[in-house]
Amino acid sequence: MRNKIKVFRAIHDLTQENLALLIGVNRQTILAIEKGKYVPSLDLAFRIARYFGVPIEEVFIYEDEEQNKS
């Protein structure tokens, strides 16, 4: 799953550490999500989207495995 967390952080002038503190996780979690090494729980994904005030689909982009094979 791709995401635009880094883009939204830049728009809101936030570091990974700032965002992590605001949503209740550690900086390493934000880093791992941004790099695609960790898929956040649905709860965490919604917390991130709510913080930025956008629908979850604007932050996280689901990519079907079949779609990637094409």
Protein backbone atom coordinates (compact mmCIF):
# COMPACT_ATOMS: atom_id res chain seq x y z
CA MET A 1 0.00 0.00 0.00
CA ARG A 2 1.43 3.36 -1.02
CA ASN A 3 0.86 6.51 1.00
CA LYS A 4 1.27 10.27 0.86
CA ILE A 5 2.18 10.85 4.48
CA LYS A 6 5.43 12.60 3.58
CA VAL A 7 3.52 14.97 1.26
CA PHE A 8 0.93 15.78 3.93
CA ARG A 9 3.69 16.26 6.53
CA ALA A 10 5.39 18.75 4.22
CA ILE A 11 2.13 20.64 3.63
CA HIS A 12 1.60 20.88 7.40
CA ASP A 13 5.28 21.53 8.14
CA LEU A 14 5.62 18.49 10.40
CA THR A 15 8.57 16.22 11.08
CA GLN A 16 8.11 12.49 11.51
CA GLU A 17 8.63 13.02 15.23
CA ASN A 18 5.96 15.76 15.42
CA LEU A 19 3.38 13.64 13.62
CA ALA A 20 4.21 10.61 15.72
CA LEU A 21 3.68 12.55 18.95
CA LEU A 22 0.40 14.01 17.68
CA ILE A 23 -1.12 10.64 16.81
CA GLY A 24 0.41 8.56 19.62
CA VAL A 25 3.07 6.43 17.94
CA ASN A 26 6.86 6.59 17.72
CA ARG A 27 8.89 8.14 14.91
CA GLN A 28 10.06 4.74 13.68
CA THR A 29 6.44 3.77 13.01
CA ILE A 30 5.92 6.82 10.81
CA LEU A 31 9.21 6.13 9.02
CA ALA A 32 8.27 2.49 8.38
CA ILE A 33 4.81 3.44 7.06
CA GLU A 34 6.24 6.12 4.77
CA LYS A 35 8.78 3.66 3.34
CA GLY A 36 6.12 0.99 2.80
CA LYS A 37 7.77 -1.42 5.24
CA TYR A 38 4.79 -1.41 7.60
CA VAL A 39 1.08 -1.34 6.81
CA PRO A 40 -0.72 0.55 9.58
CA SER A 41 -3.78 -0.83 11.32
CA LEU A 42 -7.07 0.58 10.13
CA ASP A 43 -7.33 2.55 13.37
CA LEU A 44 -3.92 4.13 12.89
CA ALA A 45 -4.60 4.89 9.22
CA PHE A 46 -7.81 6.69 10.20
CA ARG A 47 -6.01 8.64 12.95
CA ILE A 48 -3.45 9.86 10.43
CA ALA A 49 -6.10 10.85 7.88
CA ARG A 50 -8.24 12.56 10.53
CA TYR A 51 -5.27 14.56 11.75
CA PHE A 52 -4.73 15.91 8.24
CA GLY A 53 -8.48 16.45 7.81
CA VAL A 54 -8.78 14.37 4.64
CA PRO A 55 -10.44 11.09 3.68
CA ILE A 56 -8.30 8.02 4.29
CA GLU A 57 -8.15 7.39 0.51
CA GLU A 58 -6.25 10.65 0.04
CA VAL A 59 -3.45 9.50 2.34
CA PHE A 60 -3.34 5.77 1.57
CA ILE A 61 -3.49 4.28 -1.92
CA TYR A 62 -4.46 0.63 -2.09
CA GLU A 63 -2.81 -1.35 -4.84
CA ASP A 64 -4.27 -4.74 -5.69
CA GLU A 65 -1.62 -7.42 -6.29
CA GLU A 66 -3.28 -8.37 -9.56
CA GLN A 67 -3.14 -4.73 -10.66
CA ASN A 68 0.61 -4.69 -10.02
CA LYS A 69 1.17 -7.77 -12.19
CA SER A 70 -0.20 -6.06 -15.30
